[in-house]
Amino acid sequence: MSHLTTTTVSRQQQPLKPGGKLPLKQRFKAFWIDFARQWEIQSMVLPGILFMIVFCYIPIYGLTIAFKNYTVIDTLSSAPWVGLDNFRIIMSDKYFWDAVVNTLGISFLKLGIGFVIPIILAIMIYELNSGRFKKFVQTVSYLPHFLSWIVLGGMLITWFSTTGLFNELLLGLGIISQPQNILLDAGKYWWIATLSDIWKEAGWGTILYLAIMSKIDPTYYEAAKIDGASRMRQIWNITLPNMKSIISLNLILTVSGLLGSNLDQTLVLMNSQNREKAEVINSYVYRMGMSQGDFSYATAVGLGVSIISVILLVTANKITSKLNNNQSVL
């Protein structure tokens, strides 16, 4: 205790810069003193830092491929530089822009529908009185998240086939007269991709909302009941305002991922008949890079998408911070 007090006093006695901070050299020295004192705890972080350096920072050098004419017989350093030629090709590539339209169409549908449904589902689960039934609903809604798109995609392909469950149901209700394979209809793919993604992830998306709602002071609801507030009024004036921060955070992350459609879902559900509406940016990059071997072009597309995603992230954070009285959630 005396050692910590002495260290604190000695730091307080050191001269500060006009900005209120210690000089860089003294801050660096203080950092290593603290690190040496807590080396057992700090060493637990080192594997994570090493992992990030090896798998996150060193691969950044590979982005130079976007500015080169790289082939499999080249190395990263020997490939010839082409400047912005790959980006110029992107701007004139019709198939790339078709993929952009499909990506934005599916992403906006997921944003408009899939963002709201987990909130509604979480409130409905929270309002259930029966504990057993609440656990049952949570388990059933979580389950699809733990199934891969290989499994779910196989189920959807079987259900939507001409002899599948979906056609049998529509024929039995008299809605259609002849069975049809919906996955072969390109015009319906956006809705299939959106609704199947919601089915898979809506239950999992309620976890954070339920965690926030469990921390709401129950006396708020008791006071509202005394004042004669209905259940919907309690949700609107108590539940939703207390969820504002996590809703804002999820909105920011969703907006930043508008250009990053689900690659696994696309590869499973896309076929030669619906490719016109199913091809998204991620699958286009995968096809150009892995199937056609145009690594420079695929890297250029990926780099451009990443830059735009960062811009969307910062913009969404600025807008939500303005709506939240200049309180940033990131």
Protein backbone atom coordinates (compact mmCIF):
# COMPACT_ATOMS: atom_id res chain seq x y z
CA MET A 1 0.00 0.00 0.00
CA SER A 2 2.81 2.41 0.89
CA HIS A 3 4.64 1.51 -2.34
CA LEU A 4 1.55 2.37 -4.45
CA THR A 5 1.06 5.61 -2.52
CA THR A 6 4.70 6.60 -3.07
CA THR A 7 4.45 5.82 -6.79
CA THR A 8 1.26 7.86 -7.11
CA VAL A 9 2.71 10.84 -5.26
CA SER A 10 5.91 10.74 -7.31
CA ARG A 11 3.91 10.77 -10.52
CA GLN A 12 1.79 13.66 -9.32
CA GLN A 13 4.95 15.65 -8.56
CA GLN A 14 6.29 15.24 -12.10
CA PRO A 15 5.92 18.33 -14.29
CA LEU A 16 3.00 18.20 -16.71
CA LYS A 17 2.78 19.58 -20.19
CA PRO A 18 0.29 22.38 -20.91
CA GLY A 19 -2.20 19.76 -22.15
CA GLY A 20 -2.18 18.05 -18.74
CA LYS A 21 -0.20 14.93 -19.79
CA LEU A 22 3.22 13.65 -18.84
CA PRO A 23 5.99 13.90 -21.44
CA LEU A 24 6.13 10.95 -23.83
CA LYS A 25 9.38 9.59 -22.36
CA GLN A 26 7.97 9.61 -18.82
CA ARG A 27 4.70 8.01 -19.96
CA PHE A 28 6.67 5.26 -21.74
CA LYS A 29 8.73 4.65 -18.59
CA ALA A 30 5.60 4.58 -16.41
CA PHE A 31 4.01 2.06 -18.78
CA TRP A 32 6.92 -0.37 -18.43
CA ILE A 33 6.95 0.07 -14.65
CA ASP A 34 3.26 -0.87 -14.51
CA PHE A 35 3.82 -3.74 -16.95
CA ALA A 36 6.68 -5.17 -14.84
CA ARG A 37 4.55 -4.92 -11.69
CA GLN A 38 1.63 -6.77 -13.34
CA TRP A 39 3.57 -9.05 -15.72
CA GLU A 40 1.62 -12.19 -14.68
CA ILE A 41 -1.69 -10.62 -15.71
CA GLN A 42 -0.29 -8.79 -18.72
CA SER A 43 1.29 -11.99 -20.08
CA MET A 44 -2.20 -13.47 -20.44
CA VAL A 45 -2.92 -10.85 -23.11
CA LEU A 46 0.21 -11.58 -25.14
CA PRO A 47 -1.15 -14.68 -26.97
CA GLY A 48 -4.14 -12.64 -28.15
CA ILE A 49 -1.88 -9.81 -29.31
CA LEU A 50 0.38 -12.28 -31.11
CA PHE A 51 -2.65 -13.86 -32.80
CA MET A 52 -3.84 -10.46 -34.05
CA ILE A 53 -0.39 -9.54 -35.36
CA VAL A 54 0.01 -12.82 -37.27
CA PHE A 55 -3.52 -13.18 -38.64
CA CYS A 56 -4.80 -9.57 -38.79
CA TYR A 57 -1.90 -7.16 -39.29
CA ILE A 58 0.70 -9.09 -41.29
CA PRO A 59 -1.89 -10.07 -43.97
CA ILE A 60 -2.53 -6.36 -44.58
CA TYR A 61 0.59 -6.43 -46.74
CA GLY A 62 -1.34 -8.72 -49.08
CA LEU A 63 -3.63 -5.80 -49.99
CA THR A 64 -0.86 -4.62 -52.31
CA ILE A 65 -2.13 -7.29 -54.70
CA ALA A 66 -4.98 -4.90 -55.51
CA PHE A 67 -2.44 -2.59 -57.15
CA LYS A 68 -0.53 -5.33 -58.98
CA ASN A 69 -1.05 -7.86 -61.75
CA TYR A 70 -0.64 -10.90 -59.52
CA THR A 71 -0.67 -14.52 -60.71
CA VAL A 72 -0.03 -17.80 -58.96
CA ILE A 73 3.53 -17.96 -60.34
CA ASP A 74 4.39 -14.56 -58.80
CA THR A 75 5.29 -13.58 -55.28
CA LEU A 76 3.85 -10.54 -53.55
CA SER A 77 7.04 -8.61 -54.22
CA SER A 78 7.74 -9.78 -57.78
CA ALA A 79 4.29 -9.11 -59.26
CA PRO A 80 4.31 -6.02 -61.52
CA TRP A 81 2.60 -2.85 -60.34
CA VAL A 82 -0.42 -1.68 -62.35
CA GLY A 83 -1.56 1.20 -60.15
CA LEU A 84 -5.33 1.76 -60.20
CA ASP A 85 -6.01 -0.35 -63.30
CA ASN A 86 -7.91 -2.99 -61.33
CA PHE A 87 -10.17 -0.33 -59.84
CA ARG A 88 -10.85 1.12 -63.29
CA ILE A 89 -11.91 -2.33 -64.47
CA ILE A 90 -14.26 -2.58 -61.49
CA MET A 91 -15.98 0.69 -62.40
CA SER A 92 -16.78 -0.63 -65.89
CA ASP A 93 -17.69 -4.20 -64.88
CA LYS A 94 -21.41 -4.79 -65.43
CA TYR A 95 -21.45 -8.03 -63.43
CA PHE A 96 -19.89 -6.31 -60.42
CA TRP A 97 -22.56 -3.62 -60.38
CA ASP A 98 -25.27 -6.28 -60.71
CA ALA A 99 -23.76 -7.90 -57.61
CA VAL A 100 -23.81 -4.52 -55.82
CA VAL A 101 -27.52 -4.06 -56.61
CA ASN A 102 -28.33 -7.56 -55.34
CA THR A 103 -26.24 -7.03 -52.21
CA LEU A 104 -27.93 -3.73 -51.36
CA GLY A 105 -31.39 -5.10 -52.16
CA ILE A 106 -30.99 -8.11 -49.87
CA SER A 107 -29.21 -6.09 -47.16
CA PHE A 108 -31.88 -3.38 -47.03
CA LEU A 109 -34.60 -6.02 -46.79
CA LYS A 110 -32.70 -7.64 -43.92
CA LEU A 111 -32.21 -4.23 -42.31
CA GLY A 112 -35.85 -3.21 -42.64
CA ILE A 113 -37.34 -6.51 -41.51
CA GLY A 114 -34.63 -8.53 -39.84
CA PHE A 115 -33.49 -5.70 -37.57
CA VAL A 116 -36.94 -5.12 -36.07
CA ILE A 117 -38.10 -8.72 -35.62
CA PRO A 118 -35.50 -9.66 -32.91
CA ILE A 119 -36.57 -6.60 -30.90
CA ILE A 120 -40.25 -7.55 -31.14
CA LEU A 121 -39.48 -11.21 -30.39
CA ALA A 122 -37.35 -10.27 -27.36
CA ILE A 123 -40.15 -8.09 -25.95
CA MET A 124 -42.70 -10.86 -26.50
CA ILE A 125 -40.48 -13.38 -24.71
CA TYR A 126 -39.82 -10.95 -21.87
CA GLU A 127 -43.53 -10.33 -21.39
CA LEU A 128 -44.34 -14.04 -20.99
CA ASN A 129 -45.36 -14.95 -17.45
CA SER A 130 -44.78 -18.70 -17.59
CA GLY A 131 -41.12 -19.47 -16.94
CA ARG A 132 -41.22 -22.90 -18.57
CA PHE A 133 -42.96 -21.66 -21.68
CA LYS A 134 -40.49 -18.76 -21.89
CA LYS A 135 -37.54 -21.17 -21.84
CA PHE A 136 -39.24 -23.35 -24.46
CA VAL A 137 -39.76 -20.37 -26.79
CA GLN A 138 -36.16 -19.23 -26.30
CA THR A 139 -34.80 -22.71 -27.06
CA VAL A 140 -36.91 -23.12 -30.20
CA SER A 141 -35.96 -19.66 -31.49
CA TYR A 142 -32.22 -20.17 -30.76
CA LEU A 143 -31.99 -23.60 -32.38
CA PRO A 144 -31.67 -22.58 -36.09
CA HIS A 145 -28.63 -20.42 -35.26
CA PHE A 146 -26.61 -23.52 -34.33
CA LEU A 147 -27.35 -25.23 -37.64
CA SER A 148 -24.98 -24.45 -40.52
CA TRP A 149 -26.21 -23.10 -43.82
CA ILE A 150 -25.29 -26.45 -45.38
CA VAL A 151 -27.98 -28.09 -43.24
CA LEU A 152 -30.53 -25.28 -43.49
CA GLY A 153 -29.87 -24.82 -47.20
CA GLY A 154 -30.48 -28.54 -47.81
CA MET A 155 -33.74 -28.27 -45.89
CA LEU A 156 -34.86 -25.25 -47.93
CA ILE A 157 -33.92 -26.89 -51.24
CA THR A 158 -35.99 -29.93 -50.27
CA TRP A 159 -38.97 -27.91 -49.02
CA PHE A 160 -39.08 -25.68 -52.11
CA SER A 161 -38.74 -28.50 -54.64
CA THR A 162 -41.76 -29.42 -56.79
CA THR A 163 -42.54 -32.36 -54.49
CA GLY A 164 -41.53 -30.58 -51.30
CA LEU A 165 -43.47 -29.46 -48.24
CA PHE A 166 -44.05 -25.91 -49.47
CA ASN A 167 -45.68 -26.95 -52.75
CA GLU A 168 -47.74 -29.65 -51.06
CA LEU A 169 -49.06 -27.07 -48.61
CA LEU A 170 -49.95 -24.55 -51.33
CA LEU A 171 -51.59 -27.24 -53.44
CA GLY A 172 -53.61 -28.45 -50.45
CA LEU A 173 -54.82 -24.90 -49.74
CA GLY A 174 -55.70 -24.37 -53.39
CA ILE A 175 -53.38 -21.36 -53.75
CA ILE A 176 -51.57 -22.87 -56.75
CA SER A 177 -52.72 -25.39 -59.34
CA GLN A 178 -49.30 -26.72 -60.36
CA PRO A 179 -46.13 -27.17 -58.26
CA GLN A 180 -43.14 -24.97 -59.00
CA ASN A 181 -39.60 -24.83 -57.66
CA ILE A 182 -39.41 -21.40 -56.04
CA LEU A 183 -35.61 -21.46 -55.75
CA LEU A 184 -35.44 -21.49 -59.55
CA ASP A 185 -37.41 -18.23 -59.70
CA ALA A 186 -34.86 -15.40 -59.64
CA GLY A 187 -37.54 -12.80 -58.89
CA LYS A 188 -38.30 -14.38 -55.52
CA TYR A 189 -34.72 -14.96 -54.36
CA TRP A 190 -34.31 -11.69 -52.41
CA TRP A 191 -37.29 -12.59 -50.22
CA ILE A 192 -36.11 -16.19 -49.79
CA ALA A 193 -32.65 -14.99 -48.70
CA THR A 194 -34.12 -12.39 -46.33
CA LEU A 195 -36.75 -14.57 -44.66
CA SER A 196 -34.47 -17.60 -44.32
CA ASP A 197 -31.79 -15.43 -42.69
CA ILE A 198 -34.37 -14.03 -40.27
CA TRP A 199 -35.55 -17.54 -39.46
CA LYS A 200 -31.98 -18.56 -38.65
CA GLU A 201 -30.79 -15.51 -36.68
CA ALA A 202 -33.84 -13.79 -35.15
CA GLY A 203 -33.86 -15.91 -31.98
CA TRP A 204 -30.13 -15.50 -31.45
CA GLY A 205 -30.48 -11.75 -31.91
CA THR A 206 -32.79 -11.53 -28.88
CA ILE A 207 -30.04 -12.47 -26.40
CA LEU A 208 -28.60 -8.97 -25.93
CA TYR A 209 -32.05 -7.38 -25.77
CA LEU A 210 -33.24 -9.86 -23.13
CA ALA A 211 -30.07 -9.25 -21.11
CA ILE A 212 -30.74 -5.51 -21.12
CA MET A 213 -34.41 -5.94 -20.23
CA SER A 214 -33.55 -8.19 -17.30
CA LYS A 215 -31.68 -5.25 -15.71
CA ILE A 216 -34.61 -2.82 -15.89
CA ASP A 217 -35.78 -1.83 -12.41
CA PRO A 218 -39.19 -3.55 -11.86
CA THR A 219 -40.35 -0.58 -9.78
CA TYR A 220 -40.72 1.37 -13.03
CA TYR A 221 -43.37 -1.07 -14.19
CA GLU A 222 -45.06 -1.08 -10.79
CA ALA A 223 -45.29 2.71 -10.81
CA ALA A 224 -46.63 2.64 -14.36
CA LYS A 225 -49.33 0.12 -13.37
CA ILE A 226 -50.37 2.33 -10.46
CA ASP A 227 -50.70 5.24 -12.89
CA GLY A 228 -52.95 3.09 -15.10
CA ALA A 229 -50.49 2.53 -17.97
CA SER A 230 -51.39 -0.33 -20.30
CA ARG A 231 -48.93 -3.08 -21.23
CA MET A 232 -48.19 -1.44 -24.59
CA ARG A 233 -47.64 1.94 -22.90
CA GLN A 234 -45.17 0.34 -20.48
CA ILE A 235 -43.27 -1.20 -23.37
CA TRP A 236 -43.17 2.10 -25.26
CA ASN A 237 -42.21 4.34 -22.32
CA ILE A 238 -40.06 2.01 -20.19
CA THR A 239 -38.77 -1.03 -22.09
CA LEU A 240 -37.77 0.56 -25.40
CA PRO A 241 -36.02 3.64 -23.89
CA ASN A 242 -33.90 1.35 -21.71
CA MET A 243 -32.94 -0.65 -24.82
CA LYS A 244 -31.92 2.44 -26.77
CA SER A 245 -28.16 2.00 -26.39
CA ILE A 246 -28.01 -1.64 -27.52
CA ILE A 247 -30.45 -0.95 -30.36
CA SER A 248 -28.22 1.89 -31.53
CA LEU A 249 -25.13 -0.32 -31.36
CA ASN A 250 -26.78 -3.11 -33.35
CA LEU A 251 -28.02 -0.59 -35.90
CA ILE A 252 -24.50 0.78 -36.40
CA LEU A 253 -23.04 -2.70 -36.90
CA THR A 254 -25.87 -3.67 -39.27
CA VAL A 255 -25.44 -0.54 -41.39
CA SER A 256 -21.67 -1.04 -41.58
CA GLY A 257 -22.28 -4.55 -42.94
CA LEU A 258 -24.68 -3.56 -45.72
CA LEU A 259 -22.14 -4.59 -48.37
CA GLY A 260 -21.28 -7.87 -46.68
CA SER A 261 -24.04 -10.34 -47.49
CA ASN A 262 -23.94 -13.87 -46.12
CA LEU A 263 -21.55 -15.83 -48.36
CA ASP A 264 -22.49 -19.26 -46.94
CA GLN A 265 -26.17 -18.66 -47.59
CA THR A 266 -25.51 -17.46 -51.13
CA LEU A 267 -23.28 -20.39 -52.08
CA VAL A 268 -25.89 -22.88 -50.81
CA LEU A 269 -29.03 -21.30 -52.30
CA MET A 270 -27.63 -19.87 -55.54
CA ASN A 271 -28.04 -21.86 -58.75
CA SER A 272 -27.78 -21.26 -62.49
CA GLN A 273 -31.42 -20.15 -62.69
CA ASN A 274 -31.42 -17.54 -59.91
CA ARG A 275 -27.80 -16.33 -60.24
CA GLU A 276 -29.02 -13.08 -61.81
CA LYS A 277 -30.57 -12.03 -58.48
CA ALA A 278 -28.52 -14.18 -56.10
CA GLU A 279 -24.97 -13.07 -56.96
CA VAL A 280 -23.71 -10.75 -54.20
CA ILE A 281 -20.39 -9.00 -53.77
CA ASN A 282 -18.91 -11.68 -51.51
CA SER A 283 -19.81 -14.52 -53.86
CA TYR A 284 -18.59 -12.46 -56.83
CA VAL A 285 -15.22 -11.90 -55.14
CA TYR A 286 -15.04 -15.60 -54.27
CA ARG A 287 -15.82 -16.60 -57.85
CA MET A 288 -13.35 -14.17 -59.39
CA GLY A 289 -10.57 -15.04 -56.97
CA MET A 290 -10.93 -18.77 -56.39
CA SER A 291 -12.67 -19.97 -59.55
CA GLN A 292 -11.13 -17.69 -62.19
CA GLY A 293 -7.83 -17.01 -60.45
CA ASP A 294 -8.02 -13.21 -60.82
CA PHE A 295 -6.61 -12.50 -57.37
CA SER A 296 -5.74 -8.86 -58.04
CA TYR A 297 -9.25 -8.00 -59.19
CA ALA A 298 -10.87 -9.85 -56.26
CA THR A 299 -8.56 -8.11 -53.78
CA ALA A 300 -9.37 -4.71 -55.29
CA VAL A 301 -13.10 -5.37 -54.90
CA GLY A 302 -12.64 -6.54 -51.32
CA LEU A 303 -10.51 -3.50 -50.46
CA GLY A 304 -13.08 -1.12 -51.91
CA VAL A 305 -15.91 -2.80 -50.00
CA SER A 306 -13.92 -2.63 -46.75
CA ILE A 307 -13.26 1.11 -47.17
CA ILE A 308 -16.94 1.82 -47.86
CA SER A 309 -17.94 -0.32 -44.85
CA VAL A 310 -15.68 1.75 -42.57
CA ILE A 311 -17.24 4.94 -43.95
CA LEU A 312 -20.73 3.54 -43.29
CA LEU A 313 -19.67 2.56 -39.76
CA VAL A 314 -18.37 6.04 -38.92
CA THR A 315 -21.38 7.75 -40.52
CA ALA A 316 -23.89 5.55 -38.69
CA ASN A 317 -22.07 6.18 -35.41
CA LYS A 318 -22.17 9.95 -35.97
CA ILE A 319 -25.88 9.90 -36.80
CA THR A 320 -26.85 7.74 -33.81
CA SER A 321 -24.71 9.85 -31.48
CA LYS A 322 -26.62 12.94 -32.64
CA LEU A 323 -29.93 11.14 -32.00
CA ASN A 324 -28.65 10.07 -28.56
CA ASN A 325 -27.73 13.61 -27.46
CA ASN A 326 -24.10 13.39 -28.71
CA GLN A 327 -23.44 10.17 -26.75
CA SER A 328 -21.47 7.82 -28.98
CA VAL A 329 -22.11 4.11 -28.51
CA LEU A 330 -18.75 3.06 -30.04
